[in-house]
Amino acid sequence: MPRPTAAQLAYGSLTVIASTFAMLLLSQTTSGAGIAVIAVTALALGLLVAMTVPMPRRTPTVVRRSAPADRVATPLPATAPEPVREATAS
């Protein structure tokens, strides 16, 4: 499992804090069981948010292979060489 990024940790933590605060204010609960339910719900929501933040993608590495020494292309001459003529004795 890959390690979480800084963005995932930040978004998850912020979600837990904000959702806990909002749910406690809106529910106005004072019982221990109600607070525990709100805390567990906020932790689950923070985990969900942290896991849905996209992970950075790795760029694909390009592997460049050099040609083997016996397969290196040699440039061809632009024009064909002239045929060799033998000197004739006169």
PDB file of N, CA and C in Angstrom:
ATOM      1  N   MET A   1       0.848  -1.174   0.000  1.00  0.00           N
ATOM      2  CA  MET A   1       0.000   0.000   0.000  1.00  0.00           C
ATOM      3  C   MET A   1       0.890   1.233   0.000  1.00  0.00           C
ATOM      4  N   PRO A   2       0.658   2.170  -0.926  1.00  0.00           N
ATOM      5  CA  PRO A   2       1.494   3.363  -0.977  1.00  0.00           C
ATOM      6  C   PRO A   2       1.238   4.285   0.206  1.00  0.00           C
ATOM      7  N   ARG A   3       2.245   5.038   0.542  1.00  0.00           N
ATOM      8  CA  ARG A   3       2.115   5.982   1.654  1.00  0.00           C
ATOM      9  C   ARG A   3       1.257   7.164   1.236  1.00  0.00           C
ATOM     10  N   PRO A   4       0.478   7.723   2.179  1.00  0.00           N
ATOM     11  CA  PRO A   4      -0.368   8.869   1.813  1.00  0.00           C
ATOM     12  C   PRO A   4       0.486  10.115   1.568  1.00  0.00           C
ATOM     13  N   THR A   5       0.019  10.937   0.660  1.00  0.00           N
ATOM     14  CA  THR A   5       0.730  12.174   0.352  1.00  0.00           C
ATOM     15  C   THR A   5       0.345  13.250   1.375  1.00  0.00           C
ATOM     16  N   ALA A   6       1.034  14.360   1.310  1.00  0.00           N
ATOM     17  CA  ALA A   6       0.746  15.469   2.219  1.00  0.00           C
ATOM     18  C   ALA A   6      -0.656  16.020   1.977  1.00  0.00           C
ATOM     19  N   ALA A   7      -1.077  16.046   0.726  1.00  0.00           N
ATOM     20  CA  ALA A   7      -2.423  16.536   0.420  1.00  0.00           C
ATOM     21  C   ALA A   7      -3.483  15.617   1.013  1.00  0.00           C
ATOM     22  N   GLN A   8      -3.266  14.316   0.941  1.00  0.00           N
ATOM     23  CA  GLN A   8      -4.233  13.375   1.508  1.00  0.00           C
ATOM     24  C   GLN A   8      -4.326  13.534   3.026  1.00  0.00           C
ATOM     25  N   LEU A   9      -3.193  13.679   3.670  1.00  0.00           N
ATOM     26  CA  LEU A   9      -3.207  13.873   5.120  1.00  0.00           C
ATOM     27  C   LEU A   9      -3.897  15.180   5.504  1.00  0.00           C
ATOM     28  N   ALA A  10      -3.620  16.228   4.761  1.00  0.00           N
ATOM     29  CA  ALA A  10      -4.215  17.532   5.072  1.00  0.00           C
ATOM     30  C   ALA A  10      -5.730  17.515   4.861  1.00  0.00           C
ATOM     31  N   TYR A  11      -6.176  17.003   3.719  1.00  0.00           N
ATOM     32  CA  TYR A  11      -7.616  16.958   3.451  1.00  0.00           C
ATOM     33  C   TYR A  11      -8.341  16.055   4.446  1.00  0.00           C
ATOM     34  N   GLY A  12      -7.762  14.915   4.755  1.00  0.00           N
ATOM     35  CA  GLY A  12      -8.397  14.003   5.706  1.00  0.00           C
ATOM     36  C   GLY A  12      -8.504  14.605   7.088  1.00  0.00           C
ATOM     37  N   SER A  13      -7.418  15.217   7.567  1.00  0.00           N
ATOM     38  CA  SER A  13      -7.426  15.830   8.897  1.00  0.00           C
ATOM     39  C   SER A  13      -8.401  16.998   8.980  1.00  0.00           C
ATOM     40  N   LEU A  14      -8.398  17.818   7.947  1.00  0.00           N
ATOM     41  CA  LEU A  14      -9.315  18.959   7.925  1.00  0.00           C
ATOM     42  C   LEU A  14     -10.767  18.487   7.905  1.00  0.00           C
ATOM     43  N   THR A  15     -11.036  17.426   7.173  1.00  0.00           N
ATOM     44  CA  THR A  15     -12.399  16.890   7.117  1.00  0.00           C
ATOM     45  C   THR A  15     -12.839  16.359   8.477  1.00  0.00           C
ATOM     46  N   VAL A  16     -11.951  15.649   9.173  1.00  0.00           N
ATOM     47  CA  VAL A  16     -12.299  15.112  10.495  1.00  0.00           C
ATOM     48  C   VAL A  16     -12.612  16.244  11.464  1.00  0.00           C
ATOM     49  N   ILE A  17     -11.767  17.253  11.491  1.00  0.00           N
ATOM     50  CA  ILE A  17     -11.960  18.363  12.435  1.00  0.00           C
ATOM     51  C   ILE A  17     -13.232  19.145  12.113  1.00  0.00           C
ATOM     52  N   ALA A  18     -13.405  19.492  10.833  1.00  0.00           N
ATOM     53  CA  ALA A  18     -14.563  20.311  10.457  1.00  0.00           C
ATOM     54  C   ALA A  18     -15.874  19.539  10.620  1.00  0.00           C
ATOM     55  N   SER A  19     -15.881  18.278  10.222  1.00  0.00           N
ATOM     56  CA  SER A  19     -17.138  17.527  10.330  1.00  0.00           C
ATOM     57  C   SER A  19     -17.490  17.227  11.789  1.00  0.00           C
ATOM     58  N   THR A  20     -16.487  16.957  12.621  1.00  0.00           N
ATOM     59  CA  THR A  20     -16.764  16.736  14.048  1.00  0.00           C
ATOM     60  C   THR A  20     -17.361  17.996  14.674  1.00  0.00           C
ATOM     61  N   PHE A  21     -16.736  19.108  14.400  1.00  0.00           N
ATOM     62  CA  PHE A  21     -17.208  20.381  14.944  1.00  0.00           C
ATOM     63  C   PHE A  21     -18.629  20.684  14.474  1.00  0.00           C
ATOM     64  N   ALA A  22     -18.877  20.505  13.185  1.00  0.00           N
ATOM     65  CA  ALA A  22     -20.206  20.811  12.638  1.00  0.00           C
ATOM     66  C   ALA A  22     -21.269  19.869  13.199  1.00  0.00           C
ATOM     67  N   MET A  23     -20.965  18.576  13.255  1.00  0.00           N
ATOM     68  CA  MET A  23     -21.972  17.625  13.762  1.00  0.00           C
ATOM     69  C   MET A  23     -22.257  17.839  15.247  1.00  0.00           C
ATOM     70  N   LEU A  24     -21.228  18.181  16.033  1.00  0.00           N
ATOM     71  CA  LEU A  24     -21.463  18.439  17.456  1.00  0.00           C
ATOM     72  C   LEU A  24     -22.317  19.686  17.660  1.00  0.00           C
ATOM     73  N   LEU A  25     -22.065  20.718  16.853  1.00  0.00           N
ATOM     74  CA  LEU A  25     -22.874  21.929  16.974  1.00  0.00           C
ATOM     75  C   LEU A  25     -24.309  21.713  16.514  1.00  0.00           C
ATOM     76  N   LEU A  26     -24.477  20.980  15.416  1.00  0.00           N
ATOM     77  CA  LEU A  26     -25.819  20.787  14.878  1.00  0.00           C
ATOM     78  C   LEU A  26     -26.653  19.810  15.704  1.00  0.00           C
ATOM     79  N   SER A  27     -26.013  18.789  16.260  1.00  0.00           N
ATOM     80  CA  SER A  27     -26.784  17.790  17.017  1.00  0.00           C
ATOM     81  C   SER A  27     -27.039  18.213  18.459  1.00  0.00           C
ATOM     82  N   GLN A  28     -26.195  19.051  18.992  1.00  0.00           N
ATOM     83  CA  GLN A  28     -26.273  19.526  20.375  1.00  0.00           C
ATOM     84  C   GLN A  28     -26.372  18.361  21.371  1.00  0.00           C
ATOM     85  N   THR A  29     -25.653  17.298  21.082  1.00  0.00           N
ATOM     86  CA  THR A  29     -25.675  16.139  21.969  1.00  0.00           C
ATOM     87  C   THR A  29     -24.738  16.356  23.149  1.00  0.00           C
ATOM     88  N   THR A  30     -25.095  15.764  24.271  1.00  0.00           N
ATOM     89  CA  THR A  30     -24.247  15.842  25.462  1.00  0.00           C
ATOM     90  C   THR A  30     -23.927  14.462  26.007  1.00  0.00           C
ATOM     91  N   SER A  31     -24.511  13.438  25.419  1.00  0.00           N
ATOM     92  CA  SER A  31     -24.259  12.084  25.921  1.00  0.00           C
ATOM     93  C   SER A  31     -22.956  11.542  25.344  1.00  0.00           C
ATOM     94  N   GLY A  32     -22.354  10.668  26.093  1.00  0.00           N
ATOM     95  CA  GLY A  32     -21.099  10.069  25.650  1.00  0.00           C
ATOM     96  C   GLY A  32     -21.266   9.205  24.414  1.00  0.00           C
ATOM     97  N   ALA A  33     -22.387   8.490  24.332  1.00  0.00           N
ATOM     98  CA  ALA A  33     -22.638   7.638  23.166  1.00  0.00           C
ATOM     99  C   ALA A  33     -22.827   8.480  21.904  1.00  0.00           C
ATOM    100  N   GLY A  34     -23.514   9.587  22.005  1.00  0.00           N
ATOM    101  CA  GLY A  34     -23.723  10.472  20.852  1.00  0.00           C
ATOM    102  C   GLY A  34     -22.417  11.063  20.360  1.00  0.00           C
ATOM    103  N   ILE A  35     -21.569  11.469  21.297  1.00  0.00           N
ATOM    104  CA  ILE A  35     -20.269  12.031  20.924  1.00  0.00           C
ATOM    105  C   ILE A  35     -19.399  10.961  20.275  1.00  0.00           C
ATOM    106  N   ALA A  36     -19.459   9.736  20.781  1.00  0.00           N
ATOM    107  CA  ALA A  36     -18.680   8.638  20.204  1.00  0.00           C
ATOM    108  C   ALA A  36     -19.137   8.333  18.778  1.00  0.00           C
ATOM    109  N   VAL A  37     -20.445   8.334  18.550  1.00  0.00           N
ATOM    110  CA  VAL A  37     -20.964   8.091  17.199  1.00  0.00           C
ATOM    111  C   VAL A  37     -20.512   9.191  16.246  1.00  0.00           C
ATOM    112  N   ILE A  38     -20.559  10.427  16.701  1.00  0.00           N
ATOM    113  CA  ILE A  38     -20.128  11.553  15.871  1.00  0.00           C
ATOM    114  C   ILE A  38     -18.631  11.441  15.569  1.00  0.00           C
ATOM    115  N   ALA A  39     -17.825  11.071  16.563  1.00  0.00           N
ATOM    116  CA  ALA A  39     -16.383  10.953  16.364  1.00  0.00           C
ATOM    117  C   ALA A  39     -16.050   9.850  15.360  1.00  0.00           C
ATOM    118  N   VAL A  40     -16.718   8.714  15.491  1.00  0.00           N
ATOM    119  CA  VAL A  40     -16.471   7.603  14.556  1.00  0.00           C
ATOM    120  C   VAL A  40     -16.929   7.977  13.151  1.00  0.00           C
ATOM    121  N   THR A  41     -18.050   8.646  13.043  1.00  0.00           N
ATOM    122  CA  THR A  41     -18.544   9.082  11.743  1.00  0.00           C
ATOM    123  C   THR A  41     -17.588  10.076  11.097  1.00  0.00           C
ATOM    124  N   ALA A  42     -17.062  10.997  11.882  1.00  0.00           N
ATOM    125  CA  ALA A  42     -16.117  11.983  11.352  1.00  0.00           C
ATOM    126  C   ALA A  42     -14.815  11.310  10.911  1.00  0.00           C
ATOM    127  N   LEU A  43     -14.348  10.328  11.666  1.00  0.00           N
ATOM    128  CA  LEU A  43     -13.138   9.612  11.261  1.00  0.00           C
ATOM    129  C   LEU A  43     -13.350   8.844   9.956  1.00  0.00           C
ATOM    130  N   ALA A  44     -14.522   8.217   9.823  1.00  0.00           N
ATOM    131  CA  ALA A  44     -14.817   7.494   8.583  1.00  0.00           C
ATOM    132  C   ALA A  44     -14.906   8.453   7.398  1.00  0.00           C
ATOM    133  N   LEU A  45     -15.518   9.601   7.607  1.00  0.00           N
ATOM    134  CA  LEU A  45     -15.618  10.594   6.545  1.00  0.00           C
ATOM    135  C   LEU A  45     -14.239  11.137   6.170  1.00  0.00           C
ATOM    136  N   GLY A  46     -13.389  11.373   7.163  1.00  0.00           N
ATOM    137  CA  GLY A  46     -12.030  11.836   6.880  1.00  0.00           C
ATOM    138  C   GLY A  46     -11.225  10.803   6.119  1.00  0.00           C
ATOM    139  N   LEU A  47     -11.393   9.536   6.462  1.00  0.00           N
ATOM    140  CA  LEU A  47     -10.695   8.477   5.735  1.00  0.00           C
ATOM    141  C   LEU A  47     -11.192   8.398   4.297  1.00  0.00           C
ATOM    142  N   LEU A  48     -12.490   8.534   4.093  1.00  0.00           N
ATOM    143  CA  LEU A  48     -13.046   8.509   2.748  1.00  0.00           C
ATOM    144  C   LEU A  48     -12.504   9.655   1.904  1.00  0.00           C
ATOM    145  N   VAL A  49     -12.454  10.839   2.478  1.00  0.00           N
ATOM    146  CA  VAL A  49     -11.935  12.000   1.747  1.00  0.00           C
ATOM    147  C   VAL A  49     -10.453  11.818   1.437  1.00  0.00           C
ATOM    148  N   ALA A  50      -9.689  11.323   2.386  1.00  0.00           N
ATOM    149  CA  ALA A  50      -8.248  11.151   2.167  1.00  0.00           C
ATOM    150  C   ALA A  50      -7.962  10.115   1.081  1.00  0.00           C
ATOM    151  N   MET A  51      -8.787   9.096   0.992  1.00  0.00           N
ATOM    152  CA  MET A  51      -8.538   8.055  -0.012  1.00  0.00           C
ATOM    153  C   MET A  51      -9.019   8.448  -1.404  1.00  0.00           C
ATOM    154  N   THR A  52      -9.922   9.420  -1.492  1.00  0.00           N
ATOM    155  CA  THR A  52     -10.410   9.835  -2.802  1.00  0.00           C
ATOM    156  C   THR A  52      -9.582  10.952  -3.418  1.00  0.00           C
ATOM    157  N   VAL A  53      -8.667  11.555  -2.665  1.00  0.00           N
ATOM    158  CA  VAL A  53      -7.762  12.540  -3.241  1.00  0.00           C
ATOM    159  C   VAL A  53      -6.853  11.787  -4.207  1.00  0.00           C
ATOM    160  N   PRO A  54      -6.746  12.243  -5.449  1.00  0.00           N
ATOM    161  CA  PRO A  54      -5.965  11.482  -6.430  1.00  0.00           C
ATOM    162  C   PRO A  54      -4.484  11.420  -6.061  1.00  0.00           C
ATOM    163  N   MET A  55      -3.913  10.244  -6.289  1.00  0.00           N
ATOM    164  CA  MET A  55      -2.485  10.042  -6.065  1.00  0.00           C
ATOM    165  C   MET A  55      -1.730  10.636  -7.245  1.00  0.00           C
ATOM    166  N   PRO A  56      -0.532  11.166  -6.996  1.00  0.00           N
ATOM    167  CA  PRO A  56       0.244  11.667  -8.133  1.00  0.00           C
ATOM    168  C   PRO A  56       0.634  10.513  -9.044  1.00  0.00           C
ATOM    169  N   ARG A  57       0.540  10.749 -10.333  1.00  0.00           N
ATOM    170  CA  ARG A  57       0.874   9.705 -11.300  1.00  0.00           C
ATOM    171  C   ARG A  57       2.342   9.759 -11.640  1.00  0.00           C
ATOM    172  N   ARG A  58       2.890   8.593 -11.786  1.00  0.00           N
ATOM    173  CA  ARG A  58       4.288   8.522 -12.198  1.00  0.00           C
ATOM    174  C   ARG A  58       4.355   8.654 -13.707  1.00  0.00           C
ATOM    175  N   THR A  59       5.335   9.417 -14.161  1.00  0.00           N
ATOM    176  CA  THR A  59       5.506   9.542 -15.593  1.00  0.00           C
ATOM    177  C   THR A  59       6.204   8.292 -16.104  1.00  0.00           C
ATOM    178  N   PRO A  60       5.752   7.771 -17.223  1.00  0.00           N
ATOM    179  CA  PRO A  60       6.386   6.558 -17.729  1.00  0.00           C
ATOM    180  C   PRO A  60       7.804   6.849 -18.193  1.00  0.00           C
ATOM    181  N   THR A  61       8.686   5.956 -17.868  1.00  0.00           N
ATOM    182  CA  THR A  61      10.074   6.130 -18.279  1.00  0.00           C
ATOM    183  C   THR A  61      10.258   5.507 -19.653  1.00  0.00           C
ATOM    184  N   VAL A  62      10.974   6.217 -20.486  1.00  0.00           N
ATOM    185  CA  VAL A  62      11.231   5.750 -21.842  1.00  0.00           C
ATOM    186  C   VAL A  62      12.587   5.047 -21.828  1.00  0.00           C
ATOM    187  N   VAL A  63      12.580   3.811 -22.271  1.00  0.00           N
ATOM    188  CA  VAL A  63      13.818   3.054 -22.329  1.00  0.00           C
ATOM    189  C   VAL A  63      14.349   3.159 -23.747  1.00  0.00           C
ATOM    190  N   ARG A  64      15.523   3.729 -23.866  1.00  0.00           N
ATOM    191  CA  ARG A  64      16.158   3.848 -25.176  1.00  0.00           C
ATOM    192  C   ARG A  64      17.265   2.816 -25.267  1.00  0.00           C
ATOM    193  N   ARG A  65      17.148   2.019 -26.275  1.00  0.00           N
ATOM    194  CA  ARG A  65      18.150   0.982 -26.466  1.00  0.00           C
ATOM    195  C   ARG A  65      19.015   1.352 -27.646  1.00  0.00           C
ATOM    196  N   SER A  66      20.293   1.181 -27.478  1.00  0.00           N
ATOM    197  CA  SER A  66      21.188   1.447 -28.596  1.00  0.00           C
ATOM    198  C   SER A  66      21.305   0.172 -29.426  1.00  0.00           C
ATOM    199  N   ALA A  67      21.580   0.370 -30.705  1.00  0.00           N
ATOM    200  CA  ALA A  67      21.700  -0.775 -31.602  1.00  0.00           C
ATOM    201  C   ALA A  67      22.998  -1.515 -31.307  1.00  0.00           C
ATOM    202  N   PRO A  68      23.008  -2.836 -31.421  1.00  0.00           N
ATOM    203  CA  PRO A  68      24.248  -3.583 -31.225  1.00  0.00           C
ATOM    204  C   PRO A  68      25.287  -3.167 -32.261  1.00  0.00           C
ATOM    205  N   ALA A  69      26.549  -3.373 -31.933  1.00  0.00           N
ATOM    206  CA  ALA A  69      27.638  -2.914 -32.797  1.00  0.00           C
ATOM    207  C   ALA A  69      27.566  -3.553 -34.180  1.00  0.00           C
ATOM    208  N   ASP A  70      27.126  -4.795 -34.278  1.00  0.00           N
ATOM    209  CA  ASP A  70      27.077  -5.437 -35.584  1.00  0.00           C
ATOM    210  C   ASP A  70      25.855  -5.018 -36.402  1.00  0.00           C
ATOM    211  N   ARG A  71      24.953  -4.278 -35.823  1.00  0.00           N
ATOM    212  CA  ARG A  71      23.761  -3.850 -36.540  1.00  0.00           C
ATOM    213  C   ARG A  71      23.726  -2.348 -36.767  1.00  0.00           C
ATOM    214  N   VAL A  72      24.805  -1.663 -36.523  1.00  0.00           N
ATOM    215  CA  VAL A  72      24.821  -0.224 -36.729  1.00  0.00           C
ATOM    216  C   VAL A  72      24.796   0.041 -38.226  1.00  0.00           C
ATOM    217  N   ALA A  73      23.899   0.883 -38.655  1.00  0.00           N
ATOM    218  CA  ALA A  73      23.771   1.180 -40.074  1.00  0.00           C
ATOM    219  C   ALA A  73      24.910   2.073 -40.530  1.00  0.00           C
ATOM    220  N   THR A  74      25.496   1.715 -41.660  1.00  0.00           N
ATOM    221  CA  THR A  74      26.545   2.550 -42.239  1.00  0.00           C
ATOM    222  C   THR A  74      25.922   3.346 -43.368  1.00  0.00           C
ATOM    223  N   PRO A  75      26.278   4.601 -43.475  1.00  0.00           N
ATOM    224  CA  PRO A  75      25.682   5.421 -44.527  1.00  0.00           C
ATOM    225  C   PRO A  75      26.155   4.960 -45.905  1.00  0.00           C
ATOM    226  N   LEU A  76      25.243   4.945 -46.859  1.00  0.00           N
ATOM    227  CA  LEU A  76      25.586   4.577 -48.224  1.00  0.00           C
ATOM    228  C   LEU A  76      26.024   5.818 -48.977  1.00  0.00           C
ATOM    229  N   PRO A  77      26.939   5.658 -49.927  1.00  0.00           N
ATOM    230  CA  PRO A  77      27.352   6.833 -50.709  1.00  0.00           C
ATOM    231  C   PRO A  77      26.197   7.312 -51.576  1.00  0.00           C
ATOM    232  N   ALA A  78      26.212   8.600 -51.836  1.00  0.00           N
ATOM    233  CA  ALA A  78      25.124   9.198 -52.596  1.00  0.00           C
ATOM    234  C   ALA A  78      25.115   8.703 -54.039  1.00  0.00           C
ATOM    235  N   THR A  79      26.285   8.480 -54.626  1.00  0.00           N
ATOM    236  CA  THR A  79      26.368   7.987 -56.006  1.00  0.00           C
ATOM    237  C   THR A  79      27.146   6.689 -56.012  1.00  0.00           C
ATOM    238  N   ALA A  80      26.881   5.882 -56.982  1.00  0.00           N
ATOM    239  CA  ALA A  80      27.599   4.616 -57.103  1.00  0.00           C
ATOM    240  C   ALA A  80      29.034   4.894 -57.550  1.00  0.00           C
ATOM    241  N   PRO A  81      30.007   4.142 -57.047  1.00  0.00           N
ATOM    242  CA  PRO A  81      31.391   4.380 -57.476  1.00  0.00           C
ATOM    243  C   PRO A  81      31.582   3.948 -58.934  1.00  0.00           C
ATOM    244  N   GLU A  82      32.519   4.632 -59.587  1.00  0.00           N
ATOM    245  CA  GLU A  82      32.800   4.300 -60.988  1.00  0.00           C
ATOM    246  C   GLU A  82      33.569   2.991 -61.039  1.00  0.00           C
ATOM    247  N   PRO A  83      33.312   2.175 -62.067  1.00  0.00           N
ATOM    248  CA  PRO A  83      34.040   0.923 -62.164  1.00  0.00           C
ATOM    249  C   PRO A  83      35.525   1.172 -62.452  1.00  0.00           C
ATOM    250  N   VAL A  84      36.349   0.266 -61.932  1.00  0.00           N
ATOM    251  CA  VAL A  84      37.803   0.394 -62.122  1.00  0.00           C
ATOM    252  C   VAL A  84      38.141  -0.150 -63.506  1.00  0.00           C
ATOM    253  N   ARG A  85      38.908   0.639 -64.303  1.00  0.00           N
ATOM    254  CA  ARG A  85      39.303   0.210 -65.649  1.00  0.00           C
ATOM    255  C   ARG A  85      40.768  -0.161 -65.631  1.00  0.00           C
ATOM    256  N   GLU A  86      41.039  -1.259 -66.221  1.00  0.00           N
ATOM    257  CA  GLU A  86      42.437  -1.691 -66.263  1.00  0.00           C
ATOM    258  C   GLU A  86      43.142  -0.946 -67.392  1.00  0.00           C
ATOM    259  N   ALA A  87      44.381  -0.640 -67.107  1.00  0.00           N
ATOM    260  CA  ALA A  87      45.176   0.040 -68.122  1.00  0.00           C
ATOM    261  C   ALA A  87      45.566  -0.981 -69.185  1.00  0.00           C
ATOM    262  N   THR A  88      45.441  -0.634 -70.463  1.00  0.00           N
ATOM    263  CA  THR A  88      45.816  -1.549 -71.520  1.00  0.00           C
ATOM    264  C   THR A  88      47.177  -1.165 -72.053  1.00  0.00           C
ATOM    265  N   ALA A  89      47.989  -2.171 -72.367  1.00  0.00           N
ATOM    266  CA  ALA A  89      49.330  -1.919 -72.888  1.00  0.00           C
ATOM    267  C   ALA A  89      49.244  -1.683 -74.399  1.00  0.00           C
ATOM    268  N   SER A  90      49.897  -0.663 -74.906  1.00  0.00           N
ATOM    269  CA  SER A  90      49.832  -0.413 -76.321  1.00  0.00           C
ATOM    270  C   SER A  90      51.122  -0.667 -77.025  1.00  0.00           C
TER     271      SER A  90
END
